């Protein structure tokens, strides 16, 4: 009977020792894992790694929130600037609409028109009063132009916008007739686009 009790007590003591050893090994990593992330965050916000900053959980939180607030304010300012600029700007846009498959005349018309605007109306281009855009109407985001300007082939359309909205537009129908006469083609484009610019303050 005594030997049985002795065996039970020895087993209980052994189990207790094993439990304490296992628990003692599992505890030390916890404080390290809690404090390890705080050190990079403190350094990131520019606090000195001094003993005063050691209990930094309270300081790290405000420091981490501050960049987020700055980023939000910068984003709001960036969003506001283009809208304000667009709201007060009136401009003329030269659109050259084309499809994915292009012929020699289509390529020539685009090249002649762009050259005419960039060289003949360079000041308006540089100031942003005039903009040149070549647009593939077969791309999904541009398909709406086909209905808006009744496009059946490559076309050059001069558009006036104010406060981001189209105020008037004109399709330059004669470009197909003049494509084989480069000088006449470019003069025609300059005259039409120039007339839009003259009435744009």
N, C-alpha and C. Protein backbone atom coordinates (compact mmCIF):
# COMPACT_ATOMS: atom_id res chain seq x y z
N UNK A 1 0.84 -1.20 0.00
CA UNK A 1 0.00 0.00 0.00
C UNK A 1 0.87 1.25 0.00
N UNK A 2 1.91 1.28 0.88
CA UNK A 2 2.80 2.45 0.95
C UNK A 2 3.55 2.64 -0.36
N UNK A 3 3.94 1.53 -0.97
CA UNK A 3 4.68 1.65 -2.24
C UNK A 3 3.81 2.26 -3.33
N UNK A 4 2.52 1.94 -3.32
CA UNK A 4 1.60 2.51 -4.32
C UNK A 4 1.46 4.00 -4.13
N UNK A 5 1.29 4.44 -2.87
CA UNK A 5 1.18 5.88 -2.57
C UNK A 5 2.45 6.60 -2.98
N UNK A 6 3.60 5.97 -2.71
CA UNK A 6 4.89 6.59 -3.07
C UNK A 6 4.99 6.79 -4.58
N UNK A 7 4.57 5.79 -5.33
CA UNK A 7 4.63 5.88 -6.80
C UNK A 7 3.73 7.00 -7.30
N UNK A 8 2.53 7.11 -6.68
CA UNK A 8 1.59 8.17 -7.10
C UNK A 8 2.17 9.54 -6.82
N UNK A 9 2.78 9.71 -5.65
CA UNK A 9 3.38 11.00 -5.30
C UNK A 9 4.53 11.34 -6.23
N UNK A 10 5.35 10.34 -6.54
CA UNK A 10 6.47 10.59 -7.47
C UNK A 10 5.97 11.01 -8.86
N UNK A 11 4.91 10.35 -9.32
CA UNK A 11 4.34 10.72 -10.64
C UNK A 11 3.79 12.13 -10.60
N UNK A 12 3.10 12.52 -9.51
CA UNK A 12 2.55 13.86 -9.37
C UNK A 12 3.64 14.92 -9.39
N UNK A 13 4.73 14.64 -8.64
CA UNK A 13 5.84 15.59 -8.60
C UNK A 13 6.48 15.73 -9.98
N UNK A 14 6.65 14.61 -10.67
CA UNK A 14 7.26 14.65 -12.01
C UNK A 14 6.42 15.46 -12.98
N UNK A 15 5.10 15.23 -12.94
CA UNK A 15 4.19 15.98 -13.83
C UNK A 15 4.24 17.46 -13.51
N UNK A 16 4.29 17.82 -12.24
CA UNK A 16 4.35 19.23 -11.83
C UNK A 16 5.62 19.89 -12.32
N UNK A 17 6.73 19.17 -12.20
CA UNK A 17 8.02 19.73 -12.65
C UNK A 17 7.99 19.96 -14.16
N UNK A 18 7.48 18.98 -14.89
CA UNK A 18 7.40 19.12 -16.36
C UNK A 18 6.53 20.30 -16.73
N UNK A 19 5.38 20.47 -16.06
CA UNK A 19 4.48 21.58 -16.33
C UNK A 19 5.15 22.92 -16.10
N UNK A 20 5.88 23.04 -14.97
CA UNK A 20 6.57 24.30 -14.66
C UNK A 20 7.65 24.62 -15.67
N UNK A 21 8.38 23.58 -16.10
CA UNK A 21 9.45 23.81 -17.09
C UNK A 21 8.85 24.27 -18.42
N UNK A 22 7.79 23.60 -18.86
CA UNK A 22 7.16 23.98 -20.14
C UNK A 22 6.58 25.38 -20.06
N UNK A 23 5.91 25.71 -18.96
CA UNK A 23 5.33 27.04 -18.80
C UNK A 23 6.40 28.12 -18.74
N UNK A 24 7.51 27.79 -18.06
CA UNK A 24 8.60 28.76 -17.96
C UNK A 24 9.24 29.05 -19.30
N UNK A 25 9.30 28.06 -20.18
CA UNK A 25 9.88 28.29 -21.51
C UNK A 25 8.94 29.06 -22.43
N UNK A 26 7.65 28.90 -22.22
CA UNK A 26 6.69 29.55 -23.13
C UNK A 26 6.45 31.00 -22.79
N UNK A 27 6.74 31.43 -21.57
CA UNK A 27 6.45 32.81 -21.16
C UNK A 27 7.41 33.86 -21.70
N UNK A 28 8.73 33.66 -21.70
CA UNK A 28 9.65 34.74 -22.11
C UNK A 28 9.38 35.32 -23.47
N UNK A 29 9.00 34.55 -24.53
CA UNK A 29 8.79 35.17 -25.85
C UNK A 29 7.68 36.19 -25.85
N UNK A 30 6.68 36.10 -24.91
CA UNK A 30 5.53 37.00 -24.98
C UNK A 30 5.90 38.46 -24.78
N UNK A 31 6.68 38.82 -23.76
CA UNK A 31 7.05 40.22 -23.63
C UNK A 31 7.88 40.72 -24.79
N UNK A 32 8.72 39.83 -25.37
CA UNK A 32 9.56 40.25 -26.49
C UNK A 32 8.72 40.53 -27.71
N UNK A 33 7.70 39.68 -27.97
CA UNK A 33 6.88 39.90 -29.15
C UNK A 33 6.02 41.15 -29.00
N UNK A 34 5.66 41.50 -27.77
CA UNK A 34 4.85 42.71 -27.57
C UNK A 34 5.67 43.97 -27.75
N UNK A 35 6.94 43.94 -27.36
CA UNK A 35 7.75 45.15 -27.40
C UNK A 35 8.53 45.28 -28.70
N UNK A 36 8.81 44.16 -29.40
CA UNK A 36 9.64 44.24 -30.60
C UNK A 36 9.06 45.15 -31.67
N UNK A 37 7.75 45.10 -31.99
CA UNK A 37 7.24 45.98 -33.04
C UNK A 37 7.29 47.45 -32.67
N UNK A 38 7.35 47.79 -31.39
CA UNK A 38 7.33 49.19 -30.99
C UNK A 38 8.63 49.89 -31.33
N UNK A 39 9.73 49.18 -31.34
CA UNK A 39 11.02 49.83 -31.58
C UNK A 39 11.12 50.41 -33.00
N UNK A 40 10.76 49.63 -34.05
CA UNK A 40 10.79 50.26 -35.38
C UNK A 40 9.82 51.40 -35.51
N UNK A 41 8.62 51.30 -34.89
CA UNK A 41 7.65 52.37 -35.06
C UNK A 41 8.10 53.65 -34.38
N UNK A 42 8.78 53.51 -33.24
CA UNK A 42 9.30 54.70 -32.56
C UNK A 42 10.37 55.35 -33.40
N UNK A 43 11.27 54.55 -33.97
CA UNK A 43 12.33 55.11 -34.81
C UNK A 43 11.74 55.74 -36.05
N UNK A 44 10.65 55.15 -36.57
CA UNK A 44 10.07 55.66 -37.80
C UNK A 44 9.50 57.05 -37.63
N UNK A 45 8.95 57.36 -36.47
CA UNK A 45 8.39 58.69 -36.26
C UNK A 45 9.40 59.66 -35.70
N UNK A 46 10.67 59.25 -35.60
CA UNK A 46 11.73 60.16 -35.25
C UNK A 46 11.96 60.36 -33.78
N UNK A 47 11.47 59.47 -32.88
CA UNK A 47 11.71 59.62 -31.45
C UNK A 47 13.06 59.01 -31.10
N UNK A 48 13.72 59.60 -30.14
CA UNK A 48 15.03 59.11 -29.74
C UNK A 48 14.88 57.82 -28.92
N UNK A 49 15.76 56.84 -29.15
CA UNK A 49 15.68 55.58 -28.39
C UNK A 49 16.29 55.73 -27.02
N UNK A 50 15.76 56.65 -26.20
CA UNK A 50 16.27 56.88 -24.85
C UNK A 50 15.39 56.17 -23.86
N UNK A 51 15.86 56.02 -22.60
CA UNK A 51 15.01 55.37 -21.58
C UNK A 51 13.68 56.07 -21.39
N UNK A 52 13.63 57.36 -21.65
CA UNK A 52 12.36 58.07 -21.46
C UNK A 52 11.32 57.59 -22.45
N UNK A 53 11.80 57.18 -23.62
CA UNK A 53 10.87 56.74 -24.66
C UNK A 53 10.64 55.24 -24.63
N UNK A 54 11.29 54.55 -23.70
CA UNK A 54 11.17 53.10 -23.66
C UNK A 54 9.73 52.65 -23.49
N UNK A 55 8.97 53.21 -22.51
CA UNK A 55 7.56 52.80 -22.41
C UNK A 55 6.75 53.53 -23.47
N UNK A 56 7.02 53.21 -24.75
CA UNK A 56 6.51 54.02 -25.86
C UNK A 56 5.16 53.65 -26.41
N UNK A 57 4.42 52.68 -25.87
CA UNK A 57 3.13 52.39 -26.49
C UNK A 57 2.23 53.60 -26.61
N UNK A 58 2.20 54.47 -25.61
CA UNK A 58 1.31 55.63 -25.66
C UNK A 58 1.79 56.64 -26.69
N UNK A 59 3.13 56.80 -26.84
CA UNK A 59 3.66 57.79 -27.78
C UNK A 59 3.60 57.27 -29.22
N UNK A 60 3.77 55.95 -29.38
CA UNK A 60 3.82 55.39 -30.72
C UNK A 60 2.49 55.54 -31.43
N UNK A 61 1.38 55.42 -30.69
CA UNK A 61 0.08 55.49 -31.33
C UNK A 61 -0.17 56.85 -31.96
N UNK A 62 0.07 57.96 -31.23
CA UNK A 62 -0.12 59.26 -31.90
C UNK A 62 0.85 59.45 -33.05
N UNK A 63 2.06 58.96 -32.89
CA UNK A 63 3.05 59.12 -33.96
C UNK A 63 2.65 58.38 -35.21
N UNK A 64 2.02 57.23 -35.05
CA UNK A 64 1.60 56.46 -36.21
C UNK A 64 0.37 57.07 -36.87
N UNK A 65 -0.47 57.70 -36.12
CA UNK A 65 -1.67 58.31 -36.71
C UNK A 65 -1.35 59.58 -37.47
N UNK A 66 -0.32 60.27 -37.07
CA UNK A 66 -0.01 61.55 -37.69
C UNK A 66 0.28 61.45 -39.19
N UNK A 67 1.10 60.49 -39.67
CA UNK A 67 1.30 60.39 -41.11
C UNK A 67 0.02 60.13 -41.87
N UNK A 68 -0.92 59.33 -41.27
CA UNK A 68 -2.17 59.06 -41.96
C UNK A 68 -2.98 60.34 -42.14
N UNK A 69 -2.98 61.17 -41.11
CA UNK A 69 -3.71 62.44 -41.22
C UNK A 69 -3.09 63.33 -42.28
N UNK A 70 -1.73 63.36 -42.32
CA UNK A 70 -1.05 64.18 -43.33
C UNK A 70 -1.35 63.66 -44.72
N UNK A 71 -1.32 62.33 -44.89
CA UNK A 71 -1.59 61.75 -46.21
C UNK A 71 -2.99 62.09 -46.68
N UNK A 72 -3.95 62.07 -45.75
CA UNK A 72 -5.33 62.38 -46.12
C UNK A 72 -5.46 63.83 -46.54
N UNK A 73 -4.80 64.74 -45.81
CA UNK A 73 -4.91 66.15 -46.16
C UNK A 73 -4.24 66.44 -47.49
N UNK A 74 -3.12 65.77 -47.77
CA UNK A 74 -2.46 65.95 -49.06
C UNK A 74 -3.33 65.45 -50.19
N UNK A 75 -3.99 64.30 -49.96
CA UNK A 75 -4.87 63.75 -50.99
C UNK A 75 -6.04 64.68 -51.26
N UNK A 76 -6.60 65.25 -50.20
CA UNK A 76 -7.72 66.18 -50.39
C UNK A 76 -7.28 67.41 -51.16
N UNK A 77 -6.10 67.91 -50.87
CA UNK A 77 -5.58 69.08 -51.58
C UNK A 77 -5.33 68.75 -53.04
N UNK A 78 -4.75 67.57 -53.29
CA UNK A 78 -4.46 67.18 -54.67
C UNK A 78 -5.73 67.03 -55.48
N UNK A 79 -6.80 66.47 -54.83
CA UNK A 79 -8.07 66.33 -55.53
C UNK A 79 -8.70 67.68 -55.81
N UNK A 80 -8.50 68.62 -54.90
CA UNK A 80 -9.16 69.92 -55.05
C UNK A 80 -8.51 70.75 -56.14
N UNK A 81 -7.20 70.67 -56.30
CA UNK A 81 -6.50 71.54 -57.24
C UNK A 81 -6.94 71.34 -58.69
N UNK A 82 -6.95 70.09 -59.22
CA UNK A 82 -7.38 69.94 -60.61
C UNK A 82 -8.81 70.39 -60.82
N UNK A 83 -9.71 70.15 -59.84
CA UNK A 83 -11.10 70.55 -60.00
C UNK A 83 -11.21 72.07 -60.07
N UNK A 84 -10.47 72.76 -59.21
CA UNK A 84 -10.52 74.21 -59.23
C UNK A 84 -9.98 74.76 -60.55
N UNK A 85 -8.87 74.14 -61.02
CA UNK A 85 -8.27 74.61 -62.28
C UNK A 85 -9.21 74.36 -63.44
N UNK A 86 -9.83 73.16 -63.46
CA UNK A 86 -10.73 72.83 -64.56
C UNK A 86 -11.97 73.70 -64.54
N UNK A 87 -12.40 74.06 -63.34
CA UNK A 87 -13.63 74.84 -63.22
C UNK A 87 -13.47 76.23 -63.82
N UNK A 88 -12.26 76.77 -63.83
CA UNK A 88 -12.05 78.13 -64.33
C UNK A 88 -11.42 78.15 -65.72
N UNK A 89 -11.21 76.98 -66.31
CA UNK A 89 -10.48 76.94 -67.58
C UNK A 89 -11.40 76.60 -68.74
N UNK A 90 -11.25 77.36 -69.81
CA UNK A 90 -11.92 77.07 -71.07
C UNK A 90 -10.85 76.67 -72.06
N UNK A 91 -11.06 75.57 -72.76
CA UNK A 91 -10.01 75.12 -73.66
C UNK A 91 -10.60 74.53 -74.94
N UNK A 92 -9.73 74.37 -75.92
CA UNK A 92 -10.10 73.77 -77.20
C UNK A 92 -9.33 72.47 -77.33
N UNK A 93 -10.02 71.43 -77.76
CA UNK A 93 -9.39 70.12 -77.94
C UNK A 93 -9.52 69.69 -79.38
N UNK A 94 -8.41 69.28 -79.97
CA UNK A 94 -8.42 68.69 -81.30
C UNK A 94 -8.41 67.17 -81.15
N UNK A 95 -9.53 66.53 -81.43
CA UNK A 95 -9.64 65.08 -81.35
C UNK A 95 -9.41 64.47 -82.74
N UNK A 96 -8.53 63.49 -82.81
CA UNK A 96 -8.45 62.69 -84.03
C UNK A 96 -8.93 61.30 -83.68
N UNK A 97 -10.08 60.91 -84.22
CA UNK A 97 -10.68 59.62 -83.92
C UNK A 97 -10.32 58.62 -85.01
N UNK A 98 -9.91 57.44 -84.59
CA UNK A 98 -9.54 56.39 -85.55
C UNK A 98 -9.89 55.03 -84.98
N UNK A 99 -9.79 54.01 -85.84
CA UNK A 99 -10.02 52.64 -85.41
C UNK A 99 -8.69 51.90 -85.31
N UNK A 100 -8.74 50.66 -84.87
CA UNK A 100 -7.50 49.89 -84.68
C UNK A 100 -6.82 49.60 -86.02
N UNK A 101 -7.59 49.22 -87.02
CA UNK A 101 -7.03 48.96 -88.35
C UNK A 101 -6.99 50.27 -89.12
N UNK A 102 -5.80 50.65 -89.58
CA UNK A 102 -5.64 51.98 -90.14
C UNK A 102 -5.00 51.93 -91.52
N UNK A 103 -5.49 52.81 -92.40
CA UNK A 103 -4.96 52.88 -93.76
C UNK A 103 -3.92 54.00 -93.87
N UNK A 104 -3.31 54.12 -95.04
CA UNK A 104 -2.27 55.13 -95.25
C UNK A 104 -2.82 56.53 -95.06
N UNK A 105 -4.01 56.80 -95.59
CA UNK A 105 -4.58 58.14 -95.48
C UNK A 105 -4.93 58.47 -94.03
N UNK A 106 -5.41 57.49 -93.31
CA UNK A 106 -5.74 57.71 -91.90
C UNK A 106 -4.50 58.12 -91.11
N UNK A 107 -3.41 57.43 -91.33
CA UNK A 107 -2.16 57.75 -90.64
C UNK A 107 -1.63 59.12 -91.07
N UNK A 108 -1.77 59.43 -92.37
CA UNK A 108 -1.29 60.71 -92.87
C UNK A 108 -2.09 61.86 -92.28
N UNK A 109 -3.41 61.71 -92.18
CA UNK A 109 -4.24 62.78 -91.64
C UNK A 109 -3.91 63.07 -90.18
N UNK A 110 -3.66 62.02 -89.43
CA UNK A 110 -3.29 62.24 -88.03
C UNK A 110 -1.96 62.98 -87.94
N UNK A 111 -0.98 62.55 -88.73
CA UNK A 111 0.34 63.18 -88.68
C UNK A 111 0.28 64.63 -89.12
N UNK A 112 -0.46 64.93 -90.21
CA UNK A 112 -0.55 66.29 -90.72
C UNK A 112 -1.25 67.20 -89.71
N UNK A 113 -2.34 66.72 -89.13
CA UNK A 113 -3.11 67.54 -88.20
C UNK A 113 -2.29 67.84 -86.94
N UNK A 114 -1.64 66.84 -86.39
CA UNK A 114 -0.85 67.06 -85.19
C UNK A 114 0.31 68.02 -85.46
N UNK A 115 0.97 67.84 -86.60
CA UNK A 115 2.08 68.73 -86.95
C UNK A 115 1.60 70.17 -87.10
N UNK A 116 0.45 70.35 -87.74
CA UNK A 116 -0.09 71.70 -87.94
C UNK A 116 -0.36 72.39 -86.60
N UNK A 117 -0.95 71.67 -85.66
CA UNK A 117 -1.30 72.27 -84.38
C UNK A 117 -0.07 72.53 -83.52
N UNK A 118 0.85 71.58 -83.50
CA UNK A 118 2.02 71.74 -82.64
C UNK A 118 2.98 72.82 -83.16
N UNK A 119 3.03 72.99 -84.45
CA UNK A 119 3.92 74.01 -85.01
C UNK A 119 3.21 75.34 -85.24
N UNK A 120 2.00 75.29 -85.75
CA UNK A 120 1.29 76.53 -86.08
C UNK A 120 0.63 77.19 -84.88
N UNK A 121 0.29 76.41 -83.86
CA UNK A 121 -0.38 76.95 -82.68
C UNK A 121 0.36 76.51 -81.41
N UNK A 122 1.68 76.61 -81.47
CA UNK A 122 2.52 76.10 -80.38
C UNK A 122 2.27 76.82 -79.05
N UNK A 123 2.03 78.13 -79.11
CA UNK A 123 1.81 78.88 -77.87
C UNK A 123 0.55 78.40 -77.15
N UNK A 124 -0.50 78.17 -77.92
CA UNK A 124 -1.75 77.68 -77.32
C UNK A 124 -1.57 76.28 -76.76
N UNK A 125 -0.77 75.46 -77.44
CA UNK A 125 -0.50 74.11 -76.96
C UNK A 125 0.27 74.15 -75.64
N UNK A 126 1.30 74.99 -75.59
CA UNK A 126 2.15 75.06 -74.40
C UNK A 126 1.40 75.63 -73.20
N UNK A 127 0.48 76.55 -73.45
CA UNK A 127 -0.27 77.15 -72.34
C UNK A 127 -1.41 76.27 -71.84
N UNK A 128 -1.74 75.23 -72.60
CA UNK A 128 -2.84 74.37 -72.22
C UNK A 128 -4.18 74.83 -72.75
N UNK A 129 -4.18 75.93 -73.48
CA UNK A 129 -5.42 76.44 -74.07
C UNK A 129 -5.90 75.50 -75.19
N UNK A 130 -4.95 74.82 -75.82
CA UNK A 130 -5.24 73.88 -76.89
C UNK A 130 -4.64 72.53 -76.54
N UNK A 131 -5.40 71.48 -76.77
CA UNK A 131 -4.94 70.12 -76.47
C UNK A 131 -5.17 69.24 -77.68
N UNK A 132 -4.22 68.33 -77.93
CA UNK A 132 -4.33 67.38 -79.05
C UNK A 132 -4.49 65.97 -78.49
N UNK A 133 -5.49 65.25 -78.99
CA UNK A 133 -5.73 63.88 -78.52
C UNK A 133 -6.07 62.97 -79.70
N UNK A 134 -5.29 61.91 -79.87
CA UNK A 134 -5.61 60.86 -80.85
C UNK A 134 -6.28 59.73 -80.08
N UNK A 135 -7.48 59.33 -80.52
CA UNK A 135 -8.30 58.40 -79.74
C UNK A 135 -8.75 57.23 -80.61
N UNK A 136 -8.51 56.02 -80.11
CA UNK A 136 -8.98 54.81 -80.78
C UNK A 136 -10.40 54.52 -80.27
N UNK A 137 -11.39 54.68 -81.14
CA UNK A 137 -12.79 54.53 -80.71
C UNK A 137 -13.20 53.08 -80.55
N UNK A 138 -12.33 52.14 -80.87
CA UNK A 138 -12.65 50.74 -80.66
C UNK A 138 -12.27 50.28 -79.25
N UNK A 139 -11.58 51.11 -78.51
CA UNK A 139 -11.30 50.80 -77.12
C UNK A 139 -12.57 51.07 -76.30
N UNK A 140 -12.91 50.16 -75.38
CA UNK A 140 -14.21 50.27 -74.67
C UNK A 140 -14.47 51.63 -74.03
N UNK A 141 -13.44 52.24 -73.44
CA UNK A 141 -13.66 53.51 -72.76
C UNK A 141 -13.89 54.68 -73.72
N UNK A 142 -13.67 54.45 -75.04
CA UNK A 142 -13.84 55.53 -76.01
C UNK A 142 -15.00 55.28 -76.98
N UNK A 143 -15.71 54.18 -76.83
CA UNK A 143 -16.78 53.86 -77.78
C UNK A 143 -17.89 54.90 -77.80
N UNK A 144 -18.07 55.61 -76.70
CA UNK A 144 -19.16 56.59 -76.63
C UNK A 144 -18.98 57.73 -77.63
N UNK A 145 -17.74 57.98 -78.07
CA UNK A 145 -17.51 59.07 -79.03
C UNK A 145 -18.18 58.78 -80.38
N UNK A 146 -18.35 57.51 -80.73
CA UNK A 146 -18.94 57.16 -82.03
C UNK A 146 -20.34 57.74 -82.14
N UNK A 147 -21.14 57.56 -81.08
CA UNK A 147 -22.49 58.11 -81.10
C UNK A 147 -22.52 59.61 -80.91
N UNK A 148 -21.64 60.13 -80.09
CA UNK A 148 -21.64 61.56 -79.79
C UNK A 148 -21.33 62.41 -81.02
N UNK A 149 -20.40 61.93 -81.86
CA UNK A 149 -19.99 62.72 -83.02
C UNK A 149 -20.33 62.05 -84.35
N UNK A 150 -21.20 61.02 -84.30
CA UNK A 150 -21.67 60.34 -85.51
C UNK A 150 -20.49 59.92 -86.40
N UNK A 151 -19.60 59.16 -85.83
CA UNK A 151 -18.38 58.76 -86.53
C UNK A 151 -18.62 57.51 -87.37
N UNK A 152 -18.27 57.59 -88.65
CA UNK A 152 -18.36 56.42 -89.54
C UNK A 152 -16.99 56.06 -90.10
N UNK A 153 -16.02 56.96 -89.92
CA UNK A 153 -14.65 56.73 -90.39
C UNK A 153 -13.73 57.60 -89.54
N UNK A 154 -12.45 57.57 -89.85
CA UNK A 154 -11.52 58.43 -89.13
C UNK A 154 -11.97 59.87 -89.28
N UNK A 155 -11.86 60.63 -88.21
CA UNK A 155 -12.39 62.00 -88.24
C UNK A 155 -11.59 62.91 -87.33
N UNK A 156 -11.55 64.19 -87.71
CA UNK A 156 -10.93 65.23 -86.88
C UNK A 156 -12.05 66.13 -86.38
N UNK A 157 -12.16 66.24 -85.08
CA UNK A 157 -13.24 67.04 -84.47
C UNK A 157 -12.62 68.06 -83.54
N UNK A 158 -12.99 69.32 -83.72
CA UNK A 158 -12.52 70.37 -82.82
C UNK A 158 -13.63 70.62 -81.80
N UNK A 159 -13.26 70.63 -80.51
CA UNK A 159 -14.23 70.71 -79.43
C UNK A 159 -13.82 71.83 -78.48
N UNK A 160 -14.79 72.64 -78.08
CA UNK A 160 -14.56 73.66 -77.07
C UNK A 160 -15.21 73.21 -75.77
N UNK A 161 -14.48 73.29 -74.67
CA UNK A 161 -15.03 72.92 -73.36
C UNK A 161 -14.90 74.08 -72.39
N UNK A 162 -15.85 74.14 -71.48
CA UNK A 162 -15.82 75.14 -70.41
C UNK A 162 -16.29 74.48 -69.13
N UNK A 163 -15.48 74.62 -68.08
CA UNK A 163 -15.79 73.97 -66.80
C UNK A 163 -15.98 72.46 -66.97
N UNK A 164 -15.19 71.88 -67.88
CA UNK A 164 -15.23 70.44 -68.09
C UNK A 164 -16.38 69.94 -68.95
N UNK A 165 -17.21 70.85 -69.49
CA UNK A 165 -18.34 70.45 -70.32
C UNK A 165 -18.18 70.99 -71.74
N UNK A 166 -18.63 70.19 -72.71
CA UNK A 166 -18.54 70.60 -74.11
C UNK A 166 -19.55 71.71 -74.38
N UNK A 167 -19.05 72.82 -74.93
CA UNK A 167 -19.94 73.94 -75.26
C UNK A 167 -20.27 73.97 -76.76
N UNK A 168 -19.35 73.50 -77.58
CA UNK A 168 -19.61 73.38 -79.02
C UNK A 168 -18.55 72.48 -79.64
N UNK A 169 -18.86 71.98 -80.83
CA UNK A 169 -17.92 71.11 -81.53
C UNK A 169 -18.19 71.15 -83.03
N UNK A 170 -17.18 70.76 -83.80
CA UNK A 170 -17.31 70.75 -85.26
C UNK A 170 -16.45 69.64 -85.85
N UNK A 171 -17.05 68.83 -86.69
CA UNK A 171 -16.30 67.80 -87.40
C UNK A 171 -15.74 68.42 -88.68
N UNK A 172 -14.43 68.30 -88.87
CA UNK A 172 -13.79 68.90 -90.05
C UNK A 172 -13.91 67.93 -91.23
N UNK A 173 -14.99 68.11 -91.99
CA UNK A 173 -15.36 67.17 -93.04
C UNK A 173 -14.39 67.14 -94.22
N UNK A 174 -13.66 68.22 -94.47
CA UNK A 174 -12.85 68.32 -95.70
C UNK A 174 -11.50 67.61 -95.61
N UNK A 175 -11.18 67.03 -94.46
CA UNK A 175 -9.85 66.42 -94.33
C UNK A 175 -9.65 65.28 -95.32
N UNK A 176 -10.72 64.56 -95.64
CA UNK A 176 -10.58 63.45 -96.59
C UNK A 176 -10.31 63.96 -98.00
N UNK A 177 -10.88 65.11 -98.33
CA UNK A 177 -10.65 65.68 -99.67
C UNK A 177 -9.26 66.28 -99.80
N UNK A 178 -8.69 66.75 -98.68
CA UNK A 178 -7.41 67.47 -98.73
C UNK A 178 -6.21 66.63 -98.32
N UNK A 179 -6.41 65.36 -98.00
CA UNK A 179 -5.32 64.55 -97.46
C UNK A 179 -4.14 64.42 -98.42
N UNK A 180 -4.40 64.50 -99.70
CA UNK A 180 -3.31 64.38 -100.68
C UNK A 180 -2.64 65.72 -100.97
N UNK A 181 -3.12 66.78 -100.33
CA UNK A 181 -2.50 68.10 -100.46
C UNK A 181 -2.15 68.59 -99.05
N UNK A 182 -0.97 68.25 -98.63
CA UNK A 182 -0.57 68.48 -97.24
C UNK A 182 -0.70 69.94 -96.81
N UNK A 183 -0.22 70.85 -97.63
CA UNK A 183 -0.27 72.27 -97.28
C UNK A 183 -1.70 72.76 -97.10
N UNK A 184 -2.58 72.42 -98.05
CA UNK A 184 -3.98 72.83 -97.95
C UNK A 184 -4.66 72.18 -96.75
N UNK A 185 -4.33 70.92 -96.51
CA UNK A 185 -4.89 70.20 -95.37
C UNK A 185 -4.54 70.91 -94.07
N UNK A 186 -3.28 71.23 -93.89
CA UNK A 186 -2.84 71.85 -92.64
C UNK A 186 -3.38 73.26 -92.47
N UNK A 187 -3.50 73.99 -93.58
CA UNK A 187 -4.06 75.34 -93.49
C UNK A 187 -5.53 75.29 -93.10
N UNK A 188 -6.23 74.32 -93.63
CA UNK A 188 -7.64 74.13 -93.28
C UNK A 188 -7.80 73.83 -91.79
N UNK A 189 -6.96 72.95 -91.27
CA UNK A 189 -7.01 72.61 -89.85
C UNK A 189 -6.70 73.82 -88.99
N UNK A 190 -5.66 74.58 -89.37
CA UNK A 190 -5.29 75.76 -88.60
C UNK A 190 -6.40 76.81 -88.59
N UNK A 191 -7.04 77.00 -89.73
CA UNK A 191 -8.12 77.99 -89.82
C UNK A 191 -9.29 77.61 -88.91
N UNK A 192 -9.67 76.35 -88.95
CA UNK A 192 -10.83 75.90 -88.17
C UNK A 192 -10.54 75.93 -86.67
N UNK A 193 -9.40 75.40 -86.29
CA UNK A 193 -9.05 75.37 -84.86
C UNK A 193 -8.77 76.79 -84.37
N UNK A 194 -8.11 77.58 -85.21
CA UNK A 194 -7.82 78.96 -84.84
C UNK A 194 -9.07 79.77 -84.58
N UNK A 195 -10.13 79.52 -85.36
CA UNK A 195 -11.38 80.27 -85.15
C UNK A 195 -11.99 79.94 -83.79
N UNK A 196 -11.80 78.72 -83.33
CA UNK A 196 -12.27 78.36 -81.99
C UNK A 196 -11.43 79.03 -80.91
N UNK A 197 -10.13 79.09 -81.14
CA UNK A 197 -9.24 79.71 -80.16
C UNK A 197 -9.47 81.21 -80.05
N UNK A 198 -9.78 81.87 -81.16
CA UNK A 198 -9.97 83.32 -81.14
C UNK A 198 -11.14 83.73 -80.26
N UNK A 199 -12.15 82.87 -80.19
CA UNK A 199 -13.32 83.20 -79.36
C UNK A 199 -13.20 82.62 -77.96
N UNK A 200 -12.01 82.07 -77.63
CA UNK A 200 -11.77 81.53 -76.29
C UNK A 200 -10.94 82.52 -75.50
N UNK A 201 -11.49 83.14 -74.45
CA UNK A 201 -10.75 84.14 -73.69
C UNK A 201 -9.54 83.54 -72.99
